[in-house]
């Protein structure tokens, strides 16, 4: 998980019990070296999950996109009680948009897509810039050293997503705490994680009722109108989508932003290139998204609803499949020297936001937050550098996403 594990990876599938997954890592900013071997030797392999179930992992770029794009690999089927599970005791939410297959997914996607058009997101630029400026003003006033996590990476996405939904500013910290807790994976923290999820759902249910009495022109208002006026989504779908948006819009963007700053600080030649030419920020963000691993498992569970051949392996109906984005983004057949971080690299179609019908609806918003957050941080703080040795940086333990507890910097 997020803590570093120096143990050598176990050989993948030696003919007995499939190896344990997720594989050990030596750096939270690099995927397991086992993926490179699998891409070369056995790109579709069986593994044993923390739940004790077995599943297939798919590691090559083209195969990962195939799984994402083929309706025979179902997210809905993965929420059924009998489906293989990644973590013990963790059930998928069948009402979540990420757990829907077409046509239900198509229906929900059409409802929320207008809120995430390129034009609408670009219209948020001024507000996000103002938020970033205020956060960095406070960091500068507090003096050196500063903490990128608590000063910028944490508050920026929760402010943005709560504003989008119309959550009162006074409740942002509660949402952030619930989201952080929900991503815990340690078995002894499972009860706490479930309690946090229930608290978030309960709050949103109450907020929906308040908004019905006093309508507002925000995303939650749009969803309520779709529920009440056109009956185009259920009450559970409405609440599930709002909750999922807060969790995904906060947690993943916050961790990506902090990790991106660390990668730039680890690569001073690339940092100087970006300082010298701020117009490179869009390409730099795409390279950061490609280069930095996402979740520890590298993807969401899908279940085959028919027998399907992938990468020379026959996956049977009912088998679990995880398409590993962390591996696909380092595929040697797609990128030259994929383990090299290079912001001048011609942007490719990385898989960090998924592919096909489940391509992240908030991808453009995440890109905008990363571009403004990183670009403004570097402009405001010349000479930005780590305030402690990298080996002393604290990483969160037992979480789904490799996440920094803090990123102390000086300038």
Protein backbone atom coordinates (compact mmCIF):
# COMPACT_ATOMS: atom_id res chain seq x y z
CA UNK A 1 0.00 0.00 0.00
CA UNK A 2 1.31 3.50 0.61
CA UNK A 3 4.04 2.44 2.97
CA UNK A 4 7.22 1.38 1.20
CA UNK A 5 8.11 -2.28 1.12
CA UNK A 6 11.69 -3.21 0.32
CA UNK A 7 10.91 -6.91 -0.05
CA UNK A 8 11.64 -8.30 -3.52
CA UNK A 9 8.50 -9.02 -5.57
CA UNK A 10 7.34 -12.62 -5.64
CA UNK A 11 7.47 -14.37 -9.00
CA UNK A 12 4.15 -14.09 -10.77
CA UNK A 13 2.28 -17.36 -11.13
CA UNK A 14 4.80 -20.16 -10.80
CA UNK A 15 2.12 -22.80 -11.32
CA UNK A 16 0.79 -22.98 -7.75
CA UNK A 17 -1.10 -20.38 -5.76
CA UNK A 18 -1.15 -17.11 -7.68
CA UNK A 19 1.13 -14.47 -6.14
CA UNK A 20 -0.18 -11.89 -3.70
CA UNK A 21 -1.36 -8.58 -5.11
CA UNK A 22 -0.78 -5.59 -4.90
CA UNK A 23 2.90 -6.26 -5.47
CA UNK A 24 5.51 -4.77 -3.11
CA UNK A 25 6.98 -1.43 -4.13
CA UNK A 26 10.30 0.25 -3.40
CA UNK A 27 9.06 3.80 -4.05
CA UNK A 28 5.59 5.31 -3.80
CA UNK A 29 6.38 7.33 -6.93
CA UNK A 30 7.16 4.30 -9.10
CA UNK A 31 5.05 1.28 -10.03
CA UNK A 32 6.18 -2.15 -8.90
CA UNK A 33 9.09 -3.43 -11.02
CA UNK A 34 7.11 -6.65 -11.37
CA UNK A 35 4.90 -5.00 -13.98
CA UNK A 36 7.76 -4.62 -16.46
CA UNK A 37 8.49 -8.34 -16.21
CA UNK A 38 4.83 -9.22 -16.66
CA UNK A 39 4.47 -7.00 -19.72
CA UNK A 40 7.37 -8.84 -21.30
CA UNK A 41 6.60 -12.38 -20.17
CA UNK A 42 3.00 -12.83 -19.00
CA UNK A 43 0.92 -9.70 -19.59
CA UNK A 44 -2.31 -11.28 -18.35
CA UNK A 45 -1.73 -13.08 -15.05
CA UNK A 46 -3.69 -14.48 -12.13
CA UNK A 47 -3.11 -13.02 -8.66
CA UNK A 48 -4.39 -13.49 -5.12
CA UNK A 49 -6.10 -10.42 -3.68
CA UNK A 50 -6.07 -9.19 -0.05
CA UNK A 51 -9.64 -10.53 0.23
CA UNK A 52 -8.35 -14.04 -0.55
CA UNK A 53 -10.14 -14.07 -3.91
CA UNK A 54 -8.24 -14.55 -7.15
CA UNK A 55 -8.45 -12.36 -10.24
CA UNK A 56 -6.63 -11.53 -13.45
CA UNK A 57 -4.42 -8.47 -13.83
CA UNK A 58 -3.83 -6.97 -17.28
CA UNK A 59 -0.57 -5.03 -17.67
CA UNK A 60 -0.02 -4.01 -21.32
CA UNK A 61 -1.35 -0.70 -22.61
CA UNK A 62 -3.41 -2.07 -25.51
CA UNK A 63 -4.91 -4.84 -23.35
CA UNK A 64 -5.77 -2.36 -20.59
CA UNK A 65 -7.63 -0.14 -23.09
CA UNK A 66 -9.35 -3.23 -24.50
CA UNK A 67 -10.67 -4.18 -21.05
CA UNK A 68 -11.81 -0.61 -20.38
CA UNK A 69 -13.64 -0.45 -23.72
CA UNK A 70 -15.27 -3.88 -23.89
CA UNK A 71 -18.76 -4.26 -22.43
CA UNK A 72 -18.06 -7.90 -21.55
CA UNK A 73 -15.99 -6.63 -18.61
CA UNK A 74 -18.65 -5.33 -16.24
CA UNK A 75 -18.32 -2.87 -13.37
CA UNK A 76 -21.91 -3.62 -12.32
CA UNK A 77 -21.19 -7.33 -11.97
CA UNK A 78 -18.27 -6.50 -9.69
CA UNK A 79 -20.70 -5.11 -7.06
CA UNK A 80 -22.62 -8.40 -6.71
CA UNK A 81 -22.11 -10.29 -3.44
CA UNK A 82 -20.62 -13.33 -5.18
CA UNK A 83 -18.10 -11.29 -7.22
CA UNK A 84 -14.40 -11.37 -6.31
CA UNK A 85 -13.41 -8.47 -4.07
CA UNK A 86 -10.13 -6.63 -3.82
CA UNK A 87 -10.37 -5.94 -0.08
CA UNK A 88 -12.07 -8.10 2.56
CA UNK A 89 -15.41 -6.73 3.72
CA UNK A 90 -15.50 -3.91 1.17
CA UNK A 91 -18.53 -3.95 -1.10
CA UNK A 92 -18.88 -1.77 -4.20
CA UNK A 93 -21.72 0.75 -4.36
CA UNK A 94 -24.14 -0.44 -7.08
CA UNK A 95 -25.70 3.03 -7.26
CA UNK A 96 -22.42 4.78 -8.06
CA UNK A 97 -21.85 5.97 -11.63
CA UNK A 98 -18.49 4.17 -11.65
CA UNK A 99 -20.32 0.91 -10.92
CA UNK A 100 -22.87 1.22 -13.71
CA UNK A 101 -22.82 -0.38 -17.14
CA UNK A 102 -24.65 0.93 -20.19
CA UNK A 103 -27.46 1.92 -20.53
CA UNK A 104 -27.68 3.06 -16.87
CA UNK A 105 -24.19 4.54 -17.02
CA UNK A 106 -25.08 6.40 -20.22
CA UNK A 107 -28.18 7.87 -18.57
CA UNK A 108 -26.24 9.13 -15.54
CA UNK A 109 -23.33 10.38 -17.63
CA UNK A 110 -25.66 12.50 -19.77
CA UNK A 111 -27.11 14.08 -16.62
CA UNK A 112 -23.78 15.24 -15.21
CA UNK A 113 -21.76 15.82 -18.39
CA UNK A 114 -23.07 19.40 -18.94
CA UNK A 115 -21.47 20.42 -15.63
CA UNK A 116 -18.06 19.25 -16.83
CA UNK A 117 -17.80 20.57 -20.37
CA UNK A 118 -14.50 22.16 -21.38
CA UNK A 119 -16.23 25.55 -21.59
CA UNK A 120 -17.83 25.21 -18.13
CA UNK A 121 -14.57 24.07 -16.55
CA UNK A 122 -12.62 26.85 -18.23
CA UNK A 123 -15.13 29.23 -16.70
CA UNK A 124 -13.94 28.06 -13.28
CA UNK A 125 -10.35 29.15 -13.99
CA UNK A 126 -10.65 32.57 -12.36
CA UNK A 127 -12.17 31.13 -9.17
CA UNK A 128 -9.57 28.38 -8.89
CA UNK A 129 -6.77 30.89 -9.48
CA UNK A 130 -8.18 33.09 -6.71
CA UNK A 131 -8.34 30.11 -4.36
CA UNK A 132 -4.75 29.11 -5.12
CA UNK A 133 -3.53 32.69 -4.65
CA UNK A 134 -5.22 32.90 -1.26
CA UNK A 135 -3.83 29.57 -0.10
CA UNK A 136 -0.29 30.48 -1.14
CA UNK A 137 -0.62 33.93 0.46
CA UNK A 138 -1.35 32.15 3.73
CA UNK A 139 1.58 29.75 3.27
CA UNK A 140 3.96 32.64 2.62
CA UNK A 141 2.67 34.61 5.61
CA UNK A 142 3.13 31.59 7.86
CA UNK A 143 6.80 31.53 6.90
CA UNK A 144 9.33 28.85 6.12
CA UNK A 145 9.15 25.94 6.02
CA UNK A 146 5.77 25.48 4.39
CA UNK A 147 3.79 22.31 3.82
CA UNK A 148 2.44 21.79 0.30
CA UNK A 149 -0.05 19.17 1.49
CA UNK A 150 -1.79 21.17 4.22
CA UNK A 151 -1.36 24.56 2.53
CA UNK A 152 -2.31 23.75 -1.09
CA UNK A 153 -2.80 20.16 -2.21
CA UNK A 154 -5.34 19.32 0.50
CA UNK A 155 -7.53 22.43 0.61
CA UNK A 156 -7.62 23.31 -3.10
CA UNK A 157 -9.62 20.31 -4.41
CA UNK A 158 -11.98 20.14 -1.43
CA UNK A 159 -12.78 23.87 -1.82
CA UNK A 160 -13.30 23.42 -5.57
CA UNK A 161 -15.52 20.35 -5.37
CA UNK A 162 -17.57 21.67 -2.43
CA UNK A 163 -18.15 24.94 -4.30
CA UNK A 164 -19.25 22.95 -7.35
CA UNK A 165 -21.81 21.03 -5.30
CA UNK A 166 -22.82 23.95 -3.07
CA UNK A 167 -21.48 22.55 0.22
CA UNK A 168 -21.20 25.31 2.85
CA UNK A 169 -17.58 26.39 3.53
CA UNK A 170 -17.98 25.58 7.23
CA UNK A 171 -18.45 21.89 6.36
CA UNK A 172 -15.41 21.44 4.09
CA UNK A 173 -13.19 20.05 6.84
CA UNK A 174 -15.81 17.43 7.70
CA UNK A 175 -15.94 16.29 4.09
CA UNK A 176 -12.17 16.12 3.92
CA UNK A 177 -11.99 14.04 7.11
CA UNK A 178 -14.70 11.64 5.91
CA UNK A 179 -12.96 11.22 2.56
CA UNK A 180 -9.56 10.58 4.15
CA UNK A 181 -11.04 7.97 6.46
CA UNK A 182 -12.98 6.19 3.71
CA UNK A 183 -9.73 5.40 1.87
CA UNK A 184 -8.23 3.46 4.78
CA UNK A 185 -7.63 -0.20 3.98
CA UNK A 186 -6.29 -1.70 7.21
CA UNK A 187 -8.68 -4.45 8.47
CA UNK A 188 -8.79 -2.88 11.95
CA UNK A 189 -9.89 0.43 10.42
CA UNK A 190 -12.67 -1.04 8.28
CA UNK A 191 -15.40 -0.18 10.78
CA UNK A 192 -14.19 3.43 10.94
CA UNK A 193 -14.09 3.66 7.15
CA UNK A 194 -17.66 2.36 6.86
CA UNK A 195 -18.82 4.80 9.54
CA UNK A 196 -17.24 7.69 7.61
CA UNK A 197 -18.99 6.62 4.42
CA UNK A 198 -22.33 6.40 6.23
CA UNK A 199 -21.80 9.84 7.78
CA UNK A 200 -21.10 11.34 4.34
CA UNK A 201 -24.20 9.71 2.85
CA UNK A 202 -26.33 10.88 5.77
CA UNK A 203 -25.10 14.45 5.42
CA UNK A 204 -25.78 14.49 1.68
CA UNK A 205 -29.27 13.04 2.16
CA UNK A 206 -30.07 15.86 4.59
CA UNK A 207 -28.53 18.41 2.22
CA UNK A 208 -30.73 17.16 -0.62
CA UNK A 209 -33.84 17.69 1.51
CA UNK A 210 -32.70 21.21 2.45
CA UNK A 211 -31.98 22.04 -1.18
CA UNK A 212 -35.46 20.89 -2.20
CA UNK A 213 -36.90 23.45 0.21
CA UNK A 214 -34.49 26.12 -1.01
CA UNK A 215 -33.26 25.39 -4.58
CA UNK A 216 -29.85 26.62 -5.73
CA UNK A 217 -28.08 26.87 -9.09
CA UNK A 218 -25.24 24.41 -8.50
CA UNK A 219 -24.49 20.82 -9.50
CA UNK A 220 -26.50 19.36 -6.63
CA UNK A 221 -29.43 21.54 -7.66
CA UNK A 222 -29.15 20.21 -11.23
CA UNK A 223 -29.13 16.63 -9.97
CA UNK A 224 -32.13 17.23 -7.71
CA UNK A 225 -34.06 18.73 -10.63
CA UNK A 226 -33.24 15.69 -12.75
CA UNK A 227 -34.51 13.48 -9.92
CA UNK A 228 -37.67 15.39 -9.05
CA UNK A 229 -38.79 16.85 -12.37
CA UNK A 230 -37.83 14.21 -14.89
CA UNK A 231 -37.34 11.09 -12.73
CA UNK A 232 -34.11 10.42 -14.60
CA UNK A 233 -32.21 9.11 -11.59
CA UNK A 234 -33.13 7.53 -8.29
CA UNK A 235 -32.65 9.11 -4.89
CA UNK A 236 -29.86 6.66 -4.11
CA UNK A 237 -28.14 7.42 -7.42
CA UNK A 238 -28.35 11.14 -6.71
CA UNK A 239 -26.74 10.83 -3.27
CA UNK A 240 -24.19 8.27 -4.44
CA UNK A 241 -23.03 10.45 -7.31
CA UNK A 242 -22.65 13.52 -5.10
CA UNK A 243 -20.68 11.53 -2.53
CA UNK A 244 -18.51 9.88 -5.15
CA UNK A 245 -17.74 13.23 -6.73
CA UNK A 246 -16.54 14.64 -3.41
CA UNK A 247 -14.36 11.63 -2.63
CA UNK A 248 -12.86 11.31 -6.12
CA UNK A 249 -12.64 15.03 -6.76
CA UNK A 250 -10.82 15.63 -3.49
CA UNK A 251 -8.73 12.57 -2.71
CA UNK A 252 -7.24 11.78 -6.10
CA UNK A 253 -6.52 15.40 -7.04
CA UNK A 254 -5.01 16.24 -3.65
CA UNK A 255 -2.63 13.31 -3.78
CA UNK A 256 -1.75 13.88 -7.43
CA UNK A 257 -0.92 17.51 -6.74
CA UNK A 258 1.36 16.77 -3.79
CA UNK A 259 3.07 13.88 -5.58
CA UNK A 260 3.52 16.01 -8.71
CA UNK A 261 5.36 18.71 -6.77
CA UNK A 262 7.62 16.06 -5.25
CA UNK A 263 8.40 14.54 -8.66
CA UNK A 264 9.36 17.98 -9.99
CA UNK A 265 11.61 18.61 -6.98
CA UNK A 266 13.25 15.21 -7.56
CA UNK A 267 13.97 16.18 -11.17
CA UNK A 268 15.62 19.61 -11.05
CA UNK A 269 16.40 19.63 -14.77
CA UNK A 270 12.69 19.27 -15.59
CA UNK A 271 11.77 21.78 -12.89
CA UNK A 272 14.08 24.35 -14.45
CA UNK A 273 12.65 23.69 -17.91
CA UNK A 274 9.18 24.44 -16.57
CA UNK A 275 10.36 27.54 -14.73
CA UNK A 276 12.03 28.80 -17.91
CA UNK A 277 8.95 28.12 -20.04
CA UNK A 278 5.70 28.24 -18.04
CA UNK A 279 3.79 27.49 -21.27
CA UNK A 280 4.93 23.88 -20.81
CA UNK A 281 2.58 23.46 -17.84
CA UNK A 282 -0.15 21.59 -19.77
CA UNK A 283 2.35 19.07 -21.21
CA UNK A 284 4.06 18.81 -17.82
CA UNK A 285 0.77 17.91 -16.14
CA UNK A 286 0.06 15.19 -18.72
CA UNK A 287 3.52 13.73 -18.16
CA UNK A 288 3.03 13.87 -14.39
CA UNK A 289 -0.31 12.07 -14.75
CA UNK A 290 1.35 9.39 -16.87
CA UNK A 291 4.44 9.04 -14.73
CA UNK A 292 3.02 8.97 -11.19
CA UNK A 293 1.21 5.75 -10.17
CA UNK A 294 -2.41 6.06 -9.15
CA UNK A 295 -3.95 3.74 -6.58
CA UNK A 296 -1.97 0.93 -5.02
CA UNK A 297 -4.04 -1.63 -6.94
CA UNK A 298 -3.70 0.30 -10.19
CA UNK A 299 -7.36 -0.02 -11.22
CA UNK A 300 -10.94 -0.97 -10.36
CA UNK A 301 -12.33 -4.50 -10.37
CA UNK A 302 -14.35 -5.67 -13.34
CA UNK A 303 -16.02 -9.04 -13.83
CA UNK A 304 -16.21 -10.86 -17.15
CA UNK A 305 -19.81 -11.62 -18.11
CA UNK A 306 -18.72 -13.84 -21.01
CA UNK A 307 -15.63 -15.87 -21.83
CA UNK A 308 -13.12 -13.44 -23.37
CA UNK A 309 -9.59 -13.91 -24.66
CA UNK A 310 -7.13 -11.17 -23.66
CA UNK A 311 -3.41 -11.24 -24.30
CA UNK A 312 -3.49 -14.92 -25.18
CA UNK A 313 -5.33 -15.92 -21.96
CA UNK A 314 -8.93 -17.11 -21.78
CA UNK A 315 -10.78 -15.23 -19.07
CA UNK A 316 -13.90 -17.10 -18.02
CA UNK A 317 -17.29 -15.58 -17.26
CA UNK A 318 -17.35 -14.68 -13.56
CA UNK A 319 -13.62 -14.03 -13.30
CA UNK A 320 -12.44 -10.76 -11.82
CA UNK A 321 -10.18 -8.54 -13.96
CA UNK A 322 -8.12 -5.48 -12.97
CA UNK A 323 -6.70 -3.38 -15.80
CA UNK A 324 -3.49 -1.93 -14.33
CA UNK A 325 -3.17 1.71 -15.34
CA UNK A 326 0.11 2.05 -13.41
CA UNK A 327 1.61 -0.55 -15.75
CA UNK A 328 -0.05 0.65 -18.95
CA UNK A 329 1.41 4.12 -18.43
CA UNK A 330 4.94 2.68 -18.40
CA UNK A 331 4.50 0.38 -21.42
CA UNK A 332 7.67 0.37 -23.53
CA UNK A 333 5.68 -0.25 -26.71
CA UNK A 334 3.94 3.12 -26.32
CA UNK A 335 6.53 5.45 -24.79
CA UNK A 336 10.28 5.66 -25.35
CA UNK A 337 12.17 5.27 -22.07
CA UNK A 338 8.88 5.22 -20.12
CA UNK A 339 10.61 5.28 -16.73
CA UNK A 340 12.17 8.66 -17.54
CA UNK A 341 10.23 11.75 -16.47
CA UNK A 342 10.26 14.19 -19.38
CA UNK A 343 7.93 17.19 -19.60
CA UNK A 344 8.90 17.78 -23.23
CA UNK A 345 7.57 14.35 -24.17
CA UNK A 346 4.82 14.52 -26.77
CA UNK A 347 1.66 13.94 -24.74
CA UNK A 348 0.16 10.51 -25.33
CA UNK A 349 -3.13 8.98 -24.33
CA UNK A 350 -2.25 7.86 -20.81
CA UNK A 351 -4.77 5.78 -18.89
CA UNK A 352 -4.74 7.73 -15.61
CA UNK A 353 -8.32 8.93 -16.21
CA UNK A 354 -9.46 5.58 -17.58
CA UNK A 355 -10.74 4.95 -21.08
CA UNK A 356 -14.05 4.26 -22.81
CA UNK A 357 -17.38 4.96 -21.14
CA UNK A 358 -15.77 5.24 -17.70
CA UNK A 359 -13.25 7.89 -18.68
CA UNK A 360 -13.26 10.25 -15.68
CA UNK A 361 -15.98 12.87 -16.08
CA UNK A 362 -13.95 15.29 -13.94
CA UNK A 363 -10.69 14.89 -15.88
CA UNK A 364 -10.68 18.45 -17.21
CA UNK A 365 -11.33 19.89 -13.77
CA UNK A 366 -8.46 17.87 -12.29
CA UNK A 367 -6.16 19.04 -15.09
CA UNK A 368 -7.09 22.68 -14.47
CA UNK A 369 -6.46 22.41 -10.72
CA UNK A 370 -3.09 20.76 -11.31
CA UNK A 371 -2.02 23.30 -13.93
CA UNK A 372 -2.98 26.31 -11.82
CA UNK A 373 -1.76 24.84 -8.53
CA UNK A 374 1.66 23.76 -9.80
CA UNK A 375 2.20 26.74 -12.09
CA UNK A 376 1.35 29.30 -9.42
CA UNK A 377 3.40 27.53 -6.73
CA UNK A 378 6.52 27.60 -8.91
CA UNK A 379 5.97 31.20 -9.94
CA UNK A 380 5.35 32.44 -6.41
CA UNK A 381 8.22 30.60 -4.73
CA UNK A 382 11.49 30.80 -6.68
CA UNK A 383 14.02 28.30 -5.42
CA UNK A 384 11.31 26.01 -4.03
CA UNK A 385 12.98 22.91 -2.57
CA UNK A 386 12.47 20.20 0.03
CA UNK A 387 12.96 21.32 3.63
CA UNK A 388 13.87 17.80 4.80
CA UNK A 389 15.71 14.87 3.17
CA UNK A 390 13.37 12.93 0.90
CA UNK A 391 13.87 9.80 3.00
CA UNK A 392 12.22 11.60 5.93
CA UNK A 393 9.01 12.48 4.08
CA UNK A 394 5.98 10.93 5.85
CA UNK A 395 3.69 8.74 3.74
CA UNK A 396 0.21 7.66 4.76
CA UNK A 397 -0.10 3.98 5.62
CA UNK A 398 -2.92 1.57 4.79
CA UNK A 399 -4.54 3.76 2.15
CA UNK A 400 -5.77 3.02 -1.35
CA UNK A 401 -3.72 5.81 -2.96
CA UNK A 402 -0.01 6.49 -2.40
CA UNK A 403 -0.33 9.71 -0.39
CA UNK A 404 1.99 12.06 1.43
CA UNK A 405 1.10 13.08 4.98
CA UNK A 406 3.14 16.26 4.49
CA UNK A 407 5.52 17.81 1.96
CA UNK A 408 7.74 20.30 3.85
CA UNK A 409 9.32 22.87 1.53
CA UNK A 410 11.35 26.03 1.75
CA UNK A 411 12.24 28.67 -0.83
